[in-house]
Amino acid sequence: MIHTIAARDRNINLISFGTLLDEPPTGLICLKSSGINEFKDIVGKRVGYIGHFGKVMIDDLAQRAGIDTSSTRA
C-alpha cells in the first residue's frame, strides 16, 4: 500500500492488487554511542533511507518535529 502512495506521488499510473505487509518495516536505528535519544537529535546527522518513499517519510517526520528538512545529510 505505501509503495502505491509513493508511486502516485511521482505520477506513476499503476494498479495495486495485493500486499505482503500491512505496514512497511520502517524504523530509525542508531548506535548507542551516536547521542541520538529522540527524533530531534538527528539534526546534523547522516540519515540513511531506501528509495523515494524513505525520503518522503524522513522529511515528513522532520517537519512534524519542527526540524528543517535540510538539517540532515543522506
PDB file of N, CA and C in Angstrom:
ATOM      1  N   MET A   1       0.816  -1.198   0.000  1.00  0.00           N
ATOM      2  CA  MET A   1       0.000   0.000   0.000  1.00  0.00           C
ATOM      3  C   MET A   1       0.856   1.257   0.000  1.00  0.00           C
ATOM      4  N   ILE A   2       1.844   1.314   0.868  1.00  0.00           N
ATOM      5  CA  ILE A   2       2.644   2.515   0.994  1.00  0.00           C
ATOM      6  C   ILE A   2       3.429   2.800  -0.288  1.00  0.00           C
ATOM      7  N   HIS A   3       3.863   1.747  -0.984  1.00  0.00           N
ATOM      8  CA  HIS A   3       4.570   1.938  -2.241  1.00  0.00           C
ATOM      9  C   HIS A   3       3.624   2.477  -3.320  1.00  0.00           C
ATOM     10  N   THR A   4       2.361   2.109  -3.233  1.00  0.00           N
ATOM     11  CA  THR A   4       1.368   2.641  -4.156  1.00  0.00           C
ATOM     12  C   THR A   4       1.239   4.138  -3.962  1.00  0.00           C
ATOM     13  N   ILE A   5       1.203   4.581  -2.712  1.00  0.00           N
ATOM     14  CA  ILE A   5       1.109   6.012  -2.412  1.00  0.00           C
ATOM     15  C   ILE A   5       2.343   6.742  -2.932  1.00  0.00           C
ATOM     16  N   ALA A   6       3.521   6.163  -2.714  1.00  0.00           N
ATOM     17  CA  ALA A   6       4.757   6.779  -3.191  1.00  0.00           C
ATOM     18  C   ALA A   6       4.763   6.861  -4.718  1.00  0.00           C
ATOM     19  N   ALA A   7       4.296   5.830  -5.386  1.00  0.00           N
ATOM     20  CA  ALA A   7       4.249   5.835  -6.846  1.00  0.00           C
ATOM     21  C   ALA A   7       3.283   6.899  -7.355  1.00  0.00           C
ATOM     22  N   ARG A   8       2.149   7.000  -6.724  1.00  0.00           N
ATOM     23  CA  ARG A   8       1.181   8.016  -7.139  1.00  0.00           C
ATOM     24  C   ARG A   8       1.727   9.417  -6.908  1.00  0.00           C
ATOM     25  N   ASP A   9       2.528   9.590  -5.847  1.00  0.00           N
ATOM     26  CA  ASP A   9       3.174  10.873  -5.573  1.00  0.00           C
ATOM     27  C   ASP A   9       4.095  11.263  -6.722  1.00  0.00           C
ATOM     28  N   ARG A  10       4.631  10.266  -7.423  1.00  0.00           N
ATOM     29  CA  ARG A  10       5.528  10.510  -8.561  1.00  0.00           C
ATOM     30  C   ARG A  10       4.781  10.437  -9.891  1.00  0.00           C
ATOM     31  N   ASN A  11       3.447  10.464  -9.825  1.00  0.00           N
ATOM     32  CA  ASN A  11       2.587  10.423 -11.012  1.00  0.00           C
ATOM     33  C   ASN A  11       2.771   9.156 -11.846  1.00  0.00           C
ATOM     34  N   ILE A  12       3.026   8.037 -11.175  1.00  0.00           N
ATOM     35  CA  ILE A  12       3.130   6.753 -11.857  1.00  0.00           C
ATOM     36  C   ILE A  12       1.753   6.094 -11.822  1.00  0.00           C
ATOM     37  N   ASN A  13       1.221   5.760 -12.981  1.00  0.00           N
ATOM     38  CA  ASN A  13      -0.098   5.160 -13.091  1.00  0.00           C
ATOM     39  C   ASN A  13       0.033   3.648 -12.898  1.00  0.00           C
ATOM     40  N   LEU A  14      -0.515   3.121 -11.810  1.00  0.00           N
ATOM     41  CA  LEU A  14      -0.415   1.687 -11.546  1.00  0.00           C
ATOM     42  C   LEU A  14      -1.642   1.177 -10.810  1.00  0.00           C
ATOM     43  N   ILE A  15      -1.734  -0.132 -10.732  1.00  0.00           N
ATOM     44  CA  ILE A  15      -2.804  -0.804 -10.013  1.00  0.00           C
ATOM     45  C   ILE A  15      -2.161  -1.672  -8.942  1.00  0.00           C
ATOM     46  N   SER A  16      -2.678  -1.599  -7.730  1.00  0.00           N
ATOM     47  CA  SER A  16      -2.194  -2.444  -6.641  1.00  0.00           C
ATOM     48  C   SER A  16      -3.232  -3.520  -6.380  1.00  0.00           C
ATOM     49  N   PHE A  17      -2.816  -4.790  -6.391  1.00  0.00           N
ATOM     50  CA  PHE A  17      -3.782  -5.869  -6.197  1.00  0.00           C
ATOM     51  C   PHE A  17      -3.453  -6.765  -5.015  1.00  0.00           C
ATOM     52  N   GLY A  18      -2.419  -6.427  -4.262  1.00  0.00           N
ATOM     53  CA  GLY A  18      -2.076  -7.244  -3.100  1.00  0.00           C
ATOM     54  C   GLY A  18      -0.931  -6.634  -2.326  1.00  0.00           C
ATOM     55  N   THR A  19      -0.782  -7.078  -1.090  1.00  0.00           N
ATOM     56  CA  THR A  19       0.298  -6.582  -0.256  1.00  0.00           C
ATOM     57  C   THR A  19       0.804  -7.696   0.653  1.00  0.00           C
ATOM     58  N   LEU A  20       2.073  -7.656   1.006  1.00  0.00           N
ATOM     59  CA  LEU A  20       2.650  -8.667   1.894  1.00  0.00           C
ATOM     60  C   LEU A  20       2.547  -8.267   3.360  1.00  0.00           C
ATOM     61  N   LEU A  21       2.651  -6.963   3.622  1.00  0.00           N
ATOM     62  CA  LEU A  21       2.602  -6.450   4.987  1.00  0.00           C
ATOM     63  C   LEU A  21       1.595  -5.314   5.064  1.00  0.00           C
ATOM     64  N   ASP A  22       0.947  -5.149   6.213  1.00  0.00           N
ATOM     65  CA  ASP A  22       0.026  -4.037   6.393  1.00  0.00           C
ATOM     66  C   ASP A  22       0.767  -2.704   6.484  1.00  0.00           C
ATOM     67  N   GLU A  23       1.968  -2.721   7.038  1.00  0.00           N
ATOM     68  CA  GLU A  23       2.774  -1.513   7.178  1.00  0.00           C
ATOM     69  C   GLU A  23       4.206  -1.830   6.760  1.00  0.00           C
ATOM     70  N   PRO A  24       4.931  -0.813   6.297  1.00  0.00           N
ATOM     71  CA  PRO A  24       6.314  -1.082   5.924  1.00  0.00           C
ATOM     72  C   PRO A  24       7.182  -1.334   7.158  1.00  0.00           C
ATOM     73  N   PRO A  25       8.187  -2.187   7.030  1.00  0.00           N
ATOM     74  CA  PRO A  25       9.091  -2.439   8.158  1.00  0.00           C
ATOM     75  C   PRO A  25      10.097  -1.302   8.277  1.00  0.00           C
ATOM     76  N   THR A  26       9.650  -0.186   8.833  1.00  0.00           N
ATOM     77  CA  THR A  26      10.448   1.029   8.882  1.00  0.00           C
ATOM     78  C   THR A  26      10.736   1.422  10.319  1.00  0.00           C
ATOM     79  N   GLY A  27      11.902   1.959  10.547  1.00  0.00           N
ATOM     80  CA  GLY A  27      12.254   2.464  11.864  1.00  0.00           C
ATOM     81  C   GLY A  27      13.570   3.200  11.798  1.00  0.00           C
ATOM     82  N   LEU A  28      13.897   3.881  12.864  1.00  0.00           N
ATOM     83  CA  LEU A  28      15.182   4.557  12.961  1.00  0.00           C
ATOM     84  C   LEU A  28      16.082   3.727  13.858  1.00  0.00           C
ATOM     85  N   ILE A  29      17.259   3.432  13.363  1.00  0.00           N
ATOM     86  CA  ILE A  29      18.218   2.614  14.101  1.00  0.00           C
ATOM     87  C   ILE A  29      19.523   3.395  14.185  1.00  0.00           C
ATOM     88  N   CYS A  30      20.126   3.423  15.367  1.00  0.00           N
ATOM     89  CA  CYS A  30      21.400   4.130  15.520  1.00  0.00           C
ATOM     90  C   CYS A  30      22.246   3.445  16.581  1.00  0.00           C
ATOM     91  N   LEU A  31      23.537   3.724  16.532  1.00  0.00           N
ATOM     92  CA  LEU A  31      24.431   3.207  17.554  1.00  0.00           C
ATOM     93  C   LEU A  31      24.143   3.915  18.876  1.00  0.00           C
ATOM     94  N   LYS A  32      24.264   3.202  19.956  1.00  0.00           N
ATOM     95  CA  LYS A  32      24.048   3.785  21.270  1.00  0.00           C
ATOM     96  C   LYS A  32      24.970   4.987  21.497  1.00  0.00           C
ATOM     97  N   SER A  33      26.171   4.903  20.950  1.00  0.00           N
ATOM     98  CA  SER A  33      27.166   5.965  21.126  1.00  0.00           C
ATOM     99  C   SER A  33      26.911   7.201  20.259  1.00  0.00           C
ATOM    100  N   SER A  34      25.887   7.175  19.415  1.00  0.00           N
ATOM    101  CA  SER A  34      25.623   8.286  18.497  1.00  0.00           C
ATOM    102  C   SER A  34      25.086   9.534  19.189  1.00  0.00           C
ATOM    103  N   GLY A  35      24.548   9.381  20.377  1.00  0.00           N
ATOM    104  CA  GLY A  35      23.944  10.525  21.065  1.00  0.00           C
ATOM    105  C   GLY A  35      22.508  10.792  20.645  1.00  0.00           C
ATOM    106  N   ILE A  36      21.954   9.914  19.822  1.00  0.00           N
ATOM    107  CA  ILE A  36      20.565  10.077  19.389  1.00  0.00           C
ATOM    108  C   ILE A  36      19.661   9.351  20.377  1.00  0.00           C
ATOM    109  N   ASN A  37      18.844  10.131  21.064  1.00  0.00           N
ATOM    110  CA  ASN A  37      17.910   9.573  22.041  1.00  0.00           C
ATOM    111  C   ASN A  37      16.465   9.875  21.698  1.00  0.00           C
ATOM    112  N   GLU A  38      16.266  10.861  20.854  1.00  0.00           N
ATOM    113  CA  GLU A  38      14.929  11.197  20.379  1.00  0.00           C
ATOM    114  C   GLU A  38      15.054  11.754  18.965  1.00  0.00           C
ATOM    115  N   PHE A  39      13.945  11.868  18.271  1.00  0.00           N
ATOM    116  CA  PHE A  39      13.985  12.196  16.852  1.00  0.00           C
ATOM    117  C   PHE A  39      14.718  13.505  16.573  1.00  0.00           C
ATOM    118  N   LYS A  40      14.546  14.521  17.393  1.00  0.00           N
ATOM    119  CA  LYS A  40      15.182  15.815  17.130  1.00  0.00           C
ATOM    120  C   LYS A  40      16.707  15.741  17.161  1.00  0.00           C
ATOM    121  N   ASP A  41      17.253  14.674  17.719  1.00  0.00           N
ATOM    122  CA  ASP A  41      18.703  14.505  17.778  1.00  0.00           C
ATOM    123  C   ASP A  41      19.322  14.156  16.430  1.00  0.00           C
ATOM    124  N   ILE A  42      18.502  13.981  15.380  1.00  0.00           N
ATOM    125  CA  ILE A  42      19.059  13.664  14.058  1.00  0.00           C
ATOM    126  C   ILE A  42      19.618  14.899  13.353  1.00  0.00           C
ATOM    127  N   VAL A  43      19.340  16.090  13.880  1.00  0.00           N
ATOM    128  CA  VAL A  43      19.840  17.319  13.255  1.00  0.00           C
ATOM    129  C   VAL A  43      21.362  17.247  13.143  1.00  0.00           C
ATOM    130  N   GLY A  44      21.857  17.473  11.929  1.00  0.00           N
ATOM    131  CA  GLY A  44      23.293  17.439  11.668  1.00  0.00           C
ATOM    132  C   GLY A  44      23.858  16.041  11.465  1.00  0.00           C
ATOM    133  N   LYS A  45      23.010  15.027  11.589  1.00  0.00           N
ATOM    134  CA  LYS A  45      23.466  13.635  11.447  1.00  0.00           C
ATOM    135  C   LYS A  45      23.241  13.139  10.016  1.00  0.00           C
ATOM    136  N   ARG A  46      23.877  12.042   9.714  1.00  0.00           N
ATOM    137  CA  ARG A  46      23.686  11.374   8.441  1.00  0.00           C
ATOM    138  C   ARG A  46      22.539  10.385   8.600  1.00  0.00           C
ATOM    139  N   VAL A  47      21.543  10.475   7.725  1.00  0.00           N
ATOM    140  CA  VAL A  47      20.348   9.632   7.808  1.00  0.00           C
ATOM    141  C   VAL A  47      20.251   8.799   6.535  1.00  0.00           C
ATOM    142  N   GLY A  48      20.167   7.489   6.686  1.00  0.00           N
ATOM    143  CA  GLY A  48      20.016   6.610   5.538  1.00  0.00           C
ATOM    144  C   GLY A  48      18.565   6.204   5.361  1.00  0.00           C
ATOM    145  N   TYR A  49      18.156   6.031   4.143  1.00  0.00           N
ATOM    146  CA  TYR A  49      16.795   5.596   3.838  1.00  0.00           C
ATOM    147  C   TYR A  49      16.818   4.867   2.501  1.00  0.00           C
ATOM    148  N   ILE A  50      15.755   4.154   2.219  1.00  0.00           N
ATOM    149  CA  ILE A  50      15.666   3.403   0.974  1.00  0.00           C
ATOM    150  C   ILE A  50      14.597   4.015   0.085  1.00  0.00           C
ATOM    151  N   GLY A  51      14.992   4.404  -1.105  1.00  0.00           N
ATOM    152  CA  GLY A  51      14.055   4.852  -2.122  1.00  0.00           C
ATOM    153  C   GLY A  51      13.379   6.184  -1.850  1.00  0.00           C
ATOM    154  N   HIS A  52      12.545   6.550  -2.784  1.00  0.00           N
ATOM    155  CA  HIS A  52      11.817   7.818  -2.742  1.00  0.00           C
ATOM    156  C   HIS A  52      10.957   7.926  -1.484  1.00  0.00           C
ATOM    157  N   PHE A  53      10.245   6.857  -1.160  1.00  0.00           N
ATOM    158  CA  PHE A  53       9.333   6.951  -0.020  1.00  0.00           C
ATOM    159  C   PHE A  53      10.091   7.078   1.297  1.00  0.00           C
ATOM    160  N   GLY A  54      11.272   6.501   1.392  1.00  0.00           N
ATOM    161  CA  GLY A  54      12.084   6.677   2.594  1.00  0.00           C
ATOM    162  C   GLY A  54      12.386   8.140   2.839  1.00  0.00           C
ATOM    163  N   LYS A  55      12.733   8.863   1.769  1.00  0.00           N
ATOM    164  CA  LYS A  55      12.997  10.300   1.867  1.00  0.00           C
ATOM    165  C   LYS A  55      11.733  11.053   2.251  1.00  0.00           C
ATOM    166  N   VAL A  56      10.614  10.685   1.647  1.00  0.00           N
ATOM    167  CA  VAL A  56       9.333  11.324   1.971  1.00  0.00           C
ATOM    168  C   VAL A  56       9.023  11.139   3.463  1.00  0.00           C
ATOM    169  N   MET A  57       9.247   9.939   3.984  1.00  0.00           N
ATOM    170  CA  MET A  57       8.961   9.663   5.397  1.00  0.00           C
ATOM    171  C   MET A  57       9.867  10.472   6.326  1.00  0.00           C
ATOM    172  N   ILE A  58      11.168  10.502   6.052  1.00  0.00           N
ATOM    173  CA  ILE A  58      12.097  11.256   6.890  1.00  0.00           C
ATOM    174  C   ILE A  58      11.734  12.735   6.882  1.00  0.00           C
ATOM    175  N   ASP A  59      11.446  13.289   5.706  1.00  0.00           N
ATOM    176  CA  ASP A  59      11.072  14.701   5.616  1.00  0.00           C
ATOM    177  C   ASP A  59       9.780  14.994   6.362  1.00  0.00           C
ATOM    178  N   ASP A  60       8.800  14.101   6.249  1.00  0.00           N
ATOM    179  CA  ASP A  60       7.531  14.292   6.950  1.00  0.00           C
ATOM    180  C   ASP A  60       7.732  14.260   8.465  1.00  0.00           C
ATOM    181  N   LEU A  61       8.493  13.287   8.944  1.00  0.00           N
ATOM    182  CA  LEU A  61       8.767  13.207  10.384  1.00  0.00           C
ATOM    183  C   LEU A  61       9.516  14.436  10.868  1.00  0.00           C
ATOM    184  N   ALA A  62      10.480  14.901  10.073  1.00  0.00           N
ATOM    185  CA  ALA A  62      11.243  16.093  10.443  1.00  0.00           C
ATOM    186  C   ALA A  62      10.326  17.312  10.548  1.00  0.00           C
ATOM    187  N   GLN A  63       9.468  17.487   9.561  1.00  0.00           N
ATOM    188  CA  GLN A  63       8.540  18.629   9.583  1.00  0.00           C
ATOM    189  C   GLN A  63       7.623  18.567  10.800  1.00  0.00           C
ATOM    190  N   ARG A  64       7.122  17.384  11.120  1.00  0.00           N
ATOM    191  CA  ARG A  64       6.244  17.229  12.283  1.00  0.00           C
ATOM    192  C   ARG A  64       6.974  17.533  13.588  1.00  0.00           C
ATOM    193  N   ALA A  65       8.301  17.291  13.596  1.00  0.00           N
ATOM    194  CA  ALA A  65       9.110  17.549  14.788  1.00  0.00           C
ATOM    195  C   ALA A  65       9.653  18.977  14.802  1.00  0.00           C
ATOM    196  N   GLY A  66       9.303  19.774  13.778  1.00  0.00           N
ATOM    197  CA  GLY A  66       9.774  21.147  13.708  1.00  0.00           C
ATOM    198  C   GLY A  66      11.229  21.259  13.277  1.00  0.00           C
ATOM    199  N   ILE A  67      11.729  20.245  12.554  1.00  0.00           N
ATOM    200  CA  ILE A  67      13.121  20.205  12.109  1.00  0.00           C
ATOM    201  C   ILE A  67      13.181  20.577  10.632  1.00  0.00           C
ATOM    202  N   ASP A  68      14.103  21.461  10.272  1.00  0.00           N
ATOM    203  CA  ASP A  68      14.333  21.820   8.875  1.00  0.00           C
ATOM    204  C   ASP A  68      14.775  20.571   8.115  1.00  0.00           C
ATOM    205  N   THR A  69      14.113  20.262   7.020  1.00  0.00           N
ATOM    206  CA  THR A  69      14.425  19.031   6.281  1.00  0.00           C
ATOM    207  C   THR A  69      15.825  19.049   5.665  1.00  0.00           C
ATOM    208  N   SER A  70      16.446  20.207   5.590  1.00  0.00           N
ATOM    209  CA  SER A  70      17.806  20.274   5.051  1.00  0.00           C
ATOM    210  C   SER A  70      18.867  20.156   6.150  1.00  0.00           C
ATOM    211  N   SER A  71      18.436  19.886   7.389  1.00  0.00           N
ATOM    212  CA  SER A  71      19.379  19.843   8.513  1.00  0.00           C
ATOM    213  C   SER A  71      20.016  18.469   8.712  1.00  0.00           C
ATOM    214  N   THR A  72      19.682  17.514   7.836  1.00  0.00           N
ATOM    215  CA  THR A  72      20.305  16.191   7.900  1.00  0.00           C
ATOM    216  C   THR A  72      20.994  15.911   6.569  1.00  0.00           C
ATOM    217  N   ARG A  73      21.887  14.931   6.565  1.00  0.00           N
ATOM    218  CA  ARG A  73      22.565  14.510   5.339  1.00  0.00           C
ATOM    219  C   ARG A  73      22.112  13.112   4.986  1.00  0.00           C
ATOM    220  N   ALA A  74      21.998  12.839   3.706  1.00  0.00           N
ATOM    221  CA  ALA A  74      21.621  11.495   3.243  1.00  0.00           C
ATOM    222  C   ALA A  74      22.831  10.624   3.139  1.00  0.00           C
TER     223      ALA A  74
END
